[in-house]
């Protein structure tokens, strides 16, 4: 079966180290999301928080999920196969 490319959105980026595609957010957006998640997790019981690390979400985790890289370029359609899941990374051109 031939690999199908998917439509790339304007905020998607490709890691310069490994070629993994993610979607870009600003540091302010990442900080806001981390604060919202920490507040939400604080409302849960210890049992419901299972699976979350002790420190919980952090801005430092907004890097390439494949290699941990933090240098990116705008993504091209051929960078990402159809059906791929993307994750947030901090990138401001």
PDB file of N, CA and C in Angstrom:
ATOM      1  N   UNK A   1       0.846  -1.173   0.000  1.00  0.00           N
ATOM      2  CA  UNK A   1       0.000   0.000   0.000  1.00  0.00           C
ATOM      3  C   UNK A   1       0.897   1.245   0.000  1.00  0.00           C
ATOM      4  N   UNK A   2       0.565   2.197  -0.803  1.00  0.00           N
ATOM      5  CA  UNK A   2       1.353   3.429  -0.907  1.00  0.00           C
ATOM      6  C   UNK A   2       1.130   4.306   0.314  1.00  0.00           C
ATOM      7  N   UNK A   3       2.175   4.957   0.718  1.00  0.00           N
ATOM      8  CA  UNK A   3       2.096   5.895   1.838  1.00  0.00           C
ATOM      9  C   UNK A   3       1.336   7.130   1.372  1.00  0.00           C
ATOM     10  N   UNK A   4       0.336   7.528   2.155  1.00  0.00           N
ATOM     11  CA  UNK A   4      -0.420   8.737   1.830  1.00  0.00           C
ATOM     12  C   UNK A   4       0.065   9.874   2.713  1.00  0.00           C
ATOM     13  N   UNK A   5       0.221  11.023   2.110  1.00  0.00           N
ATOM     14  CA  UNK A   5       0.598  12.213   2.867  1.00  0.00           C
ATOM     15  C   UNK A   5      -0.665  12.885   3.347  1.00  0.00           C
ATOM     16  N   UNK A   6      -0.569  13.570   4.456  1.00  0.00           N
ATOM     17  CA  UNK A   6      -1.746  14.260   4.962  1.00  0.00           C
ATOM     18  C   UNK A   6      -1.556  15.753   4.835  1.00  0.00           C
ATOM     19  N   UNK A   7      -2.643  16.470   4.950  1.00  0.00           N
ATOM     20  CA  UNK A   7      -2.577  17.923   4.846  1.00  0.00           C
ATOM     21  C   UNK A   7      -1.883  18.477   6.083  1.00  0.00           C
ATOM     22  N   UNK A   8      -0.920  19.339   5.872  1.00  0.00           N
ATOM     23  CA  UNK A   8      -0.167  19.949   6.961  1.00  0.00           C
ATOM     24  C   UNK A   8      -0.810  21.281   7.324  1.00  0.00           C
ATOM     25  N   UNK A   9      -1.041  21.475   8.613  1.00  0.00           N
ATOM     26  CA  UNK A   9      -1.602  22.732   9.080  1.00  0.00           C
ATOM     27  C   UNK A   9      -0.539  23.801   9.208  1.00  0.00           C
ATOM     28  N   UNK A  10      -0.940  25.055   9.327  1.00  0.00           N
ATOM     29  CA  UNK A  10       0.023  26.153   9.379  1.00  0.00           C
ATOM     30  C   UNK A  10       0.912  26.142  10.616  1.00  0.00           C
ATOM     31  N   UNK A  11       0.497  25.458  11.674  1.00  0.00           N
ATOM     32  CA  UNK A  11       1.301  25.451  12.897  1.00  0.00           C
ATOM     33  C   UNK A  11       2.134  24.206  13.086  1.00  0.00           C
ATOM     34  N   UNK A  12       2.185  23.331  12.089  1.00  0.00           N
ATOM     35  CA  UNK A  12       2.941  22.101  12.266  1.00  0.00           C
ATOM     36  C   UNK A  12       4.395  22.298  11.841  1.00  0.00           C
ATOM     37  N   UNK A  13       5.268  21.645  12.596  1.00  0.00           N
ATOM     38  CA  UNK A  13       6.709  21.805  12.397  1.00  0.00           C
ATOM     39  C   UNK A  13       7.379  20.437  12.360  1.00  0.00           C
ATOM     40  N   UNK A  14       8.556  20.407  11.748  1.00  0.00           N
ATOM     41  CA  UNK A  14       9.348  19.189  11.638  1.00  0.00           C
ATOM     42  C   UNK A  14      10.631  19.359  12.441  1.00  0.00           C
ATOM     43  N   UNK A  15      10.941  18.353  13.248  1.00  0.00           N
ATOM     44  CA  UNK A  15      12.167  18.369  14.054  1.00  0.00           C
ATOM     45  C   UNK A  15      13.374  18.286  13.123  1.00  0.00           C
ATOM     46  N   UNK A  16      14.336  19.167  13.314  1.00  0.00           N
ATOM     47  CA  UNK A  16      15.544  19.168  12.485  1.00  0.00           C
ATOM     48  C   UNK A  16      16.458  17.996  12.814  1.00  0.00           C
ATOM     49  N   UNK A  17      16.332  17.425  14.010  1.00  0.00           N
ATOM     50  CA  UNK A  17      17.202  16.312  14.397  1.00  0.00           C
ATOM     51  C   UNK A  17      16.723  14.970  13.861  1.00  0.00           C
ATOM     52  N   UNK A  18      15.396  14.730  13.871  1.00  0.00           N
ATOM     53  CA  UNK A  18      14.923  13.391  13.514  1.00  0.00           C
ATOM     54  C   UNK A  18      13.815  13.365  12.463  1.00  0.00           C
ATOM     55  N   UNK A  19      13.226  14.510  12.128  1.00  0.00           N
ATOM     56  CA  UNK A  19      12.181  14.552  11.106  1.00  0.00           C
ATOM     57  C   UNK A  19      10.772  14.328  11.620  1.00  0.00           C
ATOM     58  N   UNK A  20      10.586  14.166  12.929  1.00  0.00           N
ATOM     59  CA  UNK A  20       9.262  13.947  13.524  1.00  0.00           C
ATOM     60  C   UNK A  20       8.436  15.225  13.403  1.00  0.00           C
ATOM     61  N   UNK A  21       7.146  15.086  13.087  1.00  0.00           N
ATOM     62  CA  UNK A  21       6.268  16.243  12.937  1.00  0.00           C
ATOM     63  C   UNK A  21       5.472  16.461  14.222  1.00  0.00           C
ATOM     64  N   UNK A  22       5.392  17.706  14.659  1.00  0.00           N
ATOM     65  CA  UNK A  22       4.650  18.124  15.843  1.00  0.00           C
ATOM     66  C   UNK A  22       3.886  19.386  15.495  1.00  0.00           C
ATOM     67  N   UNK A  23       3.102  19.906  16.430  1.00  0.00           N
ATOM     68  CA  UNK A  23       2.485  21.211  16.191  1.00  0.00           C
ATOM     69  C   UNK A  23       3.047  22.212  17.185  1.00  0.00           C
ATOM     70  N   UNK A  24       3.277  23.411  16.694  1.00  0.00           N
ATOM     71  CA  UNK A  24       3.946  24.449  17.471  1.00  0.00           C
ATOM     72  C   UNK A  24       2.969  25.216  18.346  1.00  0.00           C
ATOM     73  N   UNK A  25       3.419  25.496  19.577  1.00  0.00           N
ATOM     74  CA  UNK A  25       2.718  26.391  20.483  1.00  0.00           C
ATOM     75  C   UNK A  25       3.748  27.366  21.034  1.00  0.00           C
ATOM     76  N   UNK A  26       3.282  28.497  21.520  1.00  0.00           N
ATOM     77  CA  UNK A  26       4.200  29.456  22.135  1.00  0.00           C
ATOM     78  C   UNK A  26       4.494  29.017  23.561  1.00  0.00           C
ATOM     79  N   UNK A  27       5.542  29.566  24.135  1.00  0.00           N
ATOM     80  CA  UNK A  27       5.863  29.268  25.539  1.00  0.00           C
ATOM     81  C   UNK A  27       4.696  29.680  26.437  1.00  0.00           C
ATOM     82  N   UNK A  28       4.081  30.813  26.141  1.00  0.00           N
ATOM     83  CA  UNK A  28       2.943  31.275  26.948  1.00  0.00           C
ATOM     84  C   UNK A  28       1.781  30.281  26.873  1.00  0.00           C
ATOM     85  N   UNK A  29       1.508  29.744  25.683  1.00  0.00           N
ATOM     86  CA  UNK A  29       0.439  28.747  25.539  1.00  0.00           C
ATOM     87  C   UNK A  29       0.774  27.481  26.328  1.00  0.00           C
ATOM     88  N   UNK A  30       2.020  27.036  26.265  1.00  0.00           N
ATOM     89  CA  UNK A  30       2.443  25.843  27.001  1.00  0.00           C
ATOM     90  C   UNK A  30       2.322  26.077  28.504  1.00  0.00           C
ATOM     91  N   UNK A  31       2.774  27.228  28.979  1.00  0.00           N
ATOM     92  CA  UNK A  31       2.685  27.542  30.408  1.00  0.00           C
ATOM     93  C   UNK A  31       1.238  27.571  30.876  1.00  0.00           C
ATOM     94  N   UNK A  32       0.356  28.128  30.064  1.00  0.00           N
ATOM     95  CA  UNK A  32      -1.061  28.186  30.409  1.00  0.00           C
ATOM     96  C   UNK A  32      -1.662  26.782  30.484  1.00  0.00           C
ATOM     97  N   UNK A  33      -1.345  25.945  29.513  1.00  0.00           N
ATOM     98  CA  UNK A  33      -1.861  24.571  29.512  1.00  0.00           C
ATOM     99  C   UNK A  33      -1.334  23.784  30.708  1.00  0.00           C
ATOM    100  N   UNK A  34      -0.063  23.941  31.028  1.00  0.00           N
ATOM    101  CA  UNK A  34       0.519  23.255  32.185  1.00  0.00           C
ATOM    102  C   UNK A  34      -0.193  23.701  33.463  1.00  0.00           C
ATOM    103  N   UNK A  35      -0.429  24.985  33.617  1.00  0.00           N
ATOM    104  CA  UNK A  35      -1.124  25.489  34.809  1.00  0.00           C
ATOM    105  C   UNK A  35      -2.535  24.912  34.893  1.00  0.00           C
ATOM    106  N   UNK A  36      -3.244  24.861  33.768  1.00  0.00           N
ATOM    107  CA  UNK A  36      -4.608  24.288  33.759  1.00  0.00           C
ATOM    108  C   UNK A  36      -4.591  22.807  34.142  1.00  0.00           C
ATOM    109  N   UNK A  37      -3.622  22.060  33.596  1.00  0.00           N
ATOM    110  CA  UNK A  37      -3.548  20.630  33.915  1.00  0.00           C
ATOM    111  C   UNK A  37      -3.169  20.403  35.363  1.00  0.00           C
ATOM    112  N   UNK A  38      -2.251  21.186  35.890  1.00  0.00           N
ATOM    113  CA  UNK A  38      -1.876  21.034  37.305  1.00  0.00           C
ATOM    114  C   UNK A  38      -3.061  21.330  38.208  1.00  0.00           C
ATOM    115  N   UNK A  39      -3.832  22.366  37.871  1.00  0.00           N
ATOM    116  CA  UNK A  39      -5.026  22.699  38.662  1.00  0.00           C
ATOM    117  C   UNK A  39      -6.034  21.555  38.595  1.00  0.00           C
ATOM    118  N   UNK A  40      -6.227  21.002  37.412  1.00  0.00           N
ATOM    119  CA  UNK A  40      -7.155  19.881  37.259  1.00  0.00           C
ATOM    120  C   UNK A  40      -6.682  18.668  38.057  1.00  0.00           C
ATOM    121  N   UNK A  41      -5.415  18.320  37.925  1.00  0.00           N
ATOM    122  CA  UNK A  41      -4.887  17.157  38.641  1.00  0.00           C
ATOM    123  C   UNK A  41      -5.008  17.312  40.147  1.00  0.00           C
ATOM    124  N   UNK A  42      -4.917  18.544  40.625  1.00  0.00           N
ATOM    125  CA  UNK A  42      -5.042  18.804  42.066  1.00  0.00           C
ATOM    126  C   UNK A  42      -6.446  18.475  42.575  1.00  0.00           C
ATOM    127  N   UNK A  43      -7.420  18.417  41.695  1.00  0.00           N
ATOM    128  CA  UNK A  43      -8.795  18.103  42.109  1.00  0.00           C
ATOM    129  C   UNK A  43      -9.042  16.599  42.153  1.00  0.00           C
ATOM    130  N   UNK A  44      -8.120  15.794  41.652  1.00  0.00           N
ATOM    131  CA  UNK A  44      -8.307  14.352  41.567  1.00  0.00           C
ATOM    132  C   UNK A  44      -7.763  13.618  42.781  1.00  0.00           C
ATOM    133  N   UNK A  45      -8.324  12.455  43.034  1.00  0.00           N
ATOM    134  CA  UNK A  45      -7.804  11.598  44.096  1.00  0.00           C
ATOM    135  C   UNK A  45      -6.469  11.007  43.639  1.00  0.00           C
ATOM    136  N   UNK A  46      -5.715  10.472  44.596  1.00  0.00           N
ATOM    137  CA  UNK A  46      -4.428   9.848  44.266  1.00  0.00           C
ATOM    138  C   UNK A  46      -4.634   8.706  43.275  1.00  0.00           C
ATOM    139  N   UNK A  47      -5.710   7.959  43.438  1.00  0.00           N
ATOM    140  CA  UNK A  47      -5.981   6.853  42.522  1.00  0.00           C
ATOM    141  C   UNK A  47      -6.244   7.364  41.103  1.00  0.00           C
ATOM    142  N   UNK A  48      -6.982   8.459  40.983  1.00  0.00           N
ATOM    143  CA  UNK A  48      -7.282   9.014  39.662  1.00  0.00           C
ATOM    144  C   UNK A  48      -6.070   9.672  39.014  1.00  0.00           C
ATOM    145  N   UNK A  49      -5.063  10.014  39.797  1.00  0.00           N
ATOM    146  CA  UNK A  49      -3.838  10.615  39.248  1.00  0.00           C
ATOM    147  C   UNK A  49      -2.817   9.561  38.834  1.00  0.00           C
ATOM    148  N   UNK A  50      -3.148   8.278  39.017  1.00  0.00           N
ATOM    149  CA  UNK A  50      -2.211   7.224  38.603  1.00  0.00           C
ATOM    150  C   UNK A  50      -1.860   7.402  37.139  1.00  0.00           C
ATOM    151  N   UNK A  51      -0.622   7.154  36.816  1.00  0.00           N
ATOM    152  CA  UNK A  51      -0.164   7.309  35.436  1.00  0.00           C
ATOM    153  C   UNK A  51       0.509   8.652  35.195  1.00  0.00           C
ATOM    154  N   UNK A  52       0.279   9.595  36.085  1.00  0.00           N
ATOM    155  CA  UNK A  52       0.952  10.893  35.975  1.00  0.00           C
ATOM    156  C   UNK A  52       2.209  10.850  36.824  1.00  0.00           C
ATOM    157  N   UNK A  53       3.280  11.416  36.341  1.00  0.00           N
ATOM    158  CA  UNK A  53       4.511  11.460  37.116  1.00  0.00           C
ATOM    159  C   UNK A  53       4.304  12.363  38.328  1.00  0.00           C
ATOM    160  N   UNK A  54       5.159  12.202  39.320  1.00  0.00           N
ATOM    161  CA  UNK A  54       5.048  12.998  40.553  1.00  0.00           C
ATOM    162  C   UNK A  54       5.052  14.498  40.283  1.00  0.00           C
ATOM    163  N   UNK A  55       5.928  14.944  39.366  1.00  0.00           N
ATOM    164  CA  UNK A  55       5.999  16.385  39.081  1.00  0.00           C
ATOM    165  C   UNK A  55       4.863  16.859  38.192  1.00  0.00           C
ATOM    166  N   UNK A  56       4.159  15.923  37.556  1.00  0.00           N
ATOM    167  CA  UNK A  56       3.038  16.299  36.693  1.00  0.00           C
ATOM    168  C   UNK A  56       3.514  16.936  35.404  1.00  0.00           C
ATOM    169  N   UNK A  57       2.610  17.612  34.714  1.00  0.00           N
ATOM    170  CA  UNK A  57       2.977  18.240  33.443  1.00  0.00           C
ATOM    171  C   UNK A  57       3.979  19.373  33.653  1.00  0.00           C
ATOM    172  N   UNK A  58       4.839  19.597  32.653  1.00  0.00           N
ATOM    173  CA  UNK A  58       5.792  20.700  32.737  1.00  0.00           C
ATOM    174  C   UNK A  58       6.109  21.226  31.347  1.00  0.00           C
ATOM    175  N   UNK A  59       6.509  22.461  31.281  1.00  0.00           N
ATOM    176  CA  UNK A  59       6.858  23.103  30.017  1.00  0.00           C
ATOM    177  C   UNK A  59       8.076  22.418  29.395  1.00  0.00           C
ATOM    178  N   UNK A  60       8.950  21.861  30.202  1.00  0.00           N
ATOM    179  CA  UNK A  60      10.148  21.197  29.687  1.00  0.00           C
ATOM    180  C   UNK A  60       9.813  19.977  28.829  1.00  0.00           C
ATOM    181  N   UNK A  61       8.596  19.474  28.930  1.00  0.00           N
ATOM    182  CA  UNK A  61       8.190  18.306  28.143  1.00  0.00           C
ATOM    183  C   UNK A  61       7.683  18.681  26.749  1.00  0.00           C
ATOM    184  N   UNK A  62       7.627  19.952  26.432  1.00  0.00           N
ATOM    185  CA  UNK A  62       7.164  20.421  25.117  1.00  0.00           C
ATOM    186  C   UNK A  62       8.317  20.401  24.116  1.00  0.00           C
ATOM    187  N   UNK A  63       8.883  19.226  23.912  1.00  0.00           N
ATOM    188  CA  UNK A  63       9.977  19.005  22.967  1.00  0.00           C
ATOM    189  C   UNK A  63       9.571  17.851  22.048  1.00  0.00           C
ATOM    190  N   UNK A  64      10.368  17.554  21.066  1.00  0.00           N
ATOM    191  CA  UNK A  64      10.084  16.461  20.144  1.00  0.00           C
ATOM    192  C   UNK A  64       9.900  15.162  20.927  1.00  0.00           C
ATOM    193  N   UNK A  65       8.784  14.486  20.700  1.00  0.00           N
ATOM    194  CA  UNK A  65       8.496  13.227  21.396  1.00  0.00           C
ATOM    195  C   UNK A  65       9.375  12.087  20.901  1.00  0.00           C
ATOM    196  N   UNK A  66       9.942  12.239  19.734  1.00  0.00           N
ATOM    197  CA  UNK A  66      10.773  11.177  19.182  1.00  0.00           C
ATOM    198  C   UNK A  66      12.199  11.230  19.732  1.00  0.00           C
ATOM    199  N   UNK A  67      12.812  12.420  19.721  1.00  0.00           N
ATOM    200  CA  UNK A  67      14.232  12.502  20.092  1.00  0.00           C
ATOM    201  C   UNK A  67      14.545  13.518  21.191  1.00  0.00           C
ATOM    202  N   UNK A  68      13.552  14.304  21.627  1.00  0.00           N
ATOM    203  CA  UNK A  68      13.810  15.325  22.647  1.00  0.00           C
ATOM    204  C   UNK A  68      14.372  16.614  22.074  1.00  0.00           C
ATOM    205  N   UNK A  69      14.426  16.708  20.755  1.00  0.00           N
ATOM    206  CA  UNK A  69      14.971  17.900  20.107  1.00  0.00           C
ATOM    207  C   UNK A  69      14.092  19.129  20.304  1.00  0.00           C
ATOM    208  N   UNK A  70      14.687  20.285  20.087  1.00  0.00           N
ATOM    209  CA  UNK A  70      13.936  21.539  20.234  1.00  0.00           C
ATOM    210  C   UNK A  70      14.221  22.537  19.117  1.00  0.00           C
ATOM    211  N   UNK A  71      14.708  22.034  17.985  1.00  0.00           N
ATOM    212  CA  UNK A  71      14.896  22.899  16.822  1.00  0.00           C
ATOM    213  C   UNK A  71      14.011  22.366  15.699  1.00  0.00           C
ATOM    214  N   UNK A  72      13.265  23.264  15.073  1.00  0.00           N
ATOM    215  CA  UNK A  72      12.245  22.868  14.114  1.00  0.00           C
ATOM    216  C   UNK A  72      12.247  23.793  12.903  1.00  0.00           C
ATOM    217  N   UNK A  73      11.528  23.358  11.885  1.00  0.00           N
ATOM    218  CA  UNK A  73      11.234  24.177  10.706  1.00  0.00           C
ATOM    219  C   UNK A  73       9.771  23.929  10.368  1.00  0.00           C
ATOM    220  N   UNK A  74       9.155  24.819   9.581  1.00  0.00           N
ATOM    221  CA  UNK A  74       7.778  24.551   9.165  1.00  0.00           C
ATOM    222  C   UNK A  74       7.694  23.204   8.436  1.00  0.00           C
ATOM    223  N   UNK A  75       6.663  22.432   8.732  1.00  0.00           N
ATOM    224  CA  UNK A  75       6.505  21.109   8.125  1.00  0.00           C
ATOM    225  C   UNK A  75       6.050  21.203   6.673  1.00  0.00           C
ATOM    226  N   UNK A  76       6.431  20.204   5.891  1.00  0.00           N
ATOM    227  CA  UNK A  76       6.015  20.054   4.496  1.00  0.00           C
ATOM    228  C   UNK A  76       5.069  18.851   4.421  1.00  0.00           C
ATOM    229  N   UNK A  77       4.176  18.813   3.427  1.00  0.00           N
ATOM    230  CA  UNK A  77       3.234  17.691   3.325  1.00  0.00           C
ATOM    231  C   UNK A  77       3.915  16.321   3.314  1.00  0.00           C
ATOM    232  N   UNK A  78       5.055  16.209   2.673  1.00  0.00           N
ATOM    233  CA  UNK A  78       5.725  14.912   2.604  1.00  0.00           C
ATOM    234  C   UNK A  78       6.412  14.504   3.906  1.00  0.00           C
ATOM    235  N   UNK A  79       6.434  15.379   4.901  1.00  0.00           N
ATOM    236  CA  UNK A  79       7.051  15.069   6.189  1.00  0.00           C
ATOM    237  C   UNK A  79       6.206  14.135   7.044  1.00  0.00           C
ATOM    238  N   UNK A  80       4.911  14.070   6.784  1.00  0.00           N
ATOM    239  CA  UNK A  80       4.019  13.393   7.714  1.00  0.00           C
ATOM    240  C   UNK A  80       3.019  12.496   6.990  1.00  0.00           C
ATOM    241  N   UNK A  81       2.978  11.206   7.332  1.00  0.00           N
ATOM    242  CA  UNK A  81       2.020  10.316   6.683  1.00  0.00           C
ATOM    243  C   UNK A  81       0.593  10.563   7.174  1.00  0.00           C
ATOM    244  N   UNK A  82      -0.362  10.194   6.354  1.00  0.00           N
ATOM    245  CA  UNK A  82      -1.776  10.298   6.700  1.00  0.00           C
ATOM    246  C   UNK A  82      -2.046   9.492   7.968  1.00  0.00           C
ATOM    247  N   UNK A  83      -2.813  10.074   8.876  1.00  0.00           N
ATOM    248  CA  UNK A  83      -3.193   9.375  10.096  1.00  0.00           C
ATOM    249  C   UNK A  83      -2.230   9.534  11.251  1.00  0.00           C
ATOM    250  N   UNK A  84      -1.136  10.254  11.067  1.00  0.00           N
ATOM    251  CA  UNK A  84      -0.163  10.435  12.142  1.00  0.00           C
ATOM    252  C   UNK A  84      -0.730  11.337  13.233  1.00  0.00           C
ATOM    253  N   UNK A  85      -0.332  11.070  14.462  1.00  0.00           N
ATOM    254  CA  UNK A  85      -0.710  11.907  15.596  1.00  0.00           C
ATOM    255  C   UNK A  85       0.417  12.882  15.862  1.00  0.00           C
ATOM    256  N   UNK A  86       0.077  14.146  16.065  1.00  0.00           N
ATOM    257  CA  UNK A  86       1.113  15.138  16.386  1.00  0.00           C
ATOM    258  C   UNK A  86       0.930  15.597  17.825  1.00  0.00           C
ATOM    259  N   UNK A  87       2.018  16.080  18.396  1.00  0.00           N
ATOM    260  CA  UNK A  87       2.042  16.540  19.777  1.00  0.00           C
ATOM    261  C   UNK A  87       2.605  17.961  19.828  1.00  0.00           C
ATOM    262  N   UNK A  88       2.310  18.697  20.910  1.00  0.00           N
ATOM    263  CA  UNK A  88       2.783  20.074  20.984  1.00  0.00           C
ATOM    264  C   UNK A  88       4.260  20.200  21.320  1.00  0.00           C
ATOM    265  N   UNK A  89       4.896  21.179  20.696  1.00  0.00           N
ATOM    266  CA  UNK A  89       6.272  21.556  21.019  1.00  0.00           C
ATOM    267  C   UNK A  89       6.328  23.082  21.084  1.00  0.00           C
ATOM    268  N   UNK A  90       7.235  23.607  21.862  1.00  0.00           N
ATOM    269  CA  UNK A  90       7.409  25.058  21.910  1.00  0.00           C
ATOM    270  C   UNK A  90       8.287  25.472  20.740  1.00  0.00           C
ATOM    271  N   UNK A  91       7.748  26.319  19.903  1.00  0.00           N
ATOM    272  CA  UNK A  91       8.512  26.858  18.767  1.00  0.00           C
ATOM    273  C   UNK A  91       7.900  28.171  18.353  1.00  0.00           C
ATOM    274  N   UNK A  92       8.733  29.172  18.291  1.00  0.00           N
ATOM    275  CA  UNK A  92       8.326  30.488  17.820  1.00  0.00           C
ATOM    276  C   UNK A  92       9.340  30.931  16.783  1.00  0.00           C
ATOM    277  N   UNK A  93       8.909  30.976  15.513  1.00  0.00           N
ATOM    278  CA  UNK A  93       9.873  31.320  14.460  1.00  0.00           C
ATOM    279  C   UNK A  93      10.461  32.705  14.627  1.00  0.00           C
TER     280      UNK A  93
END
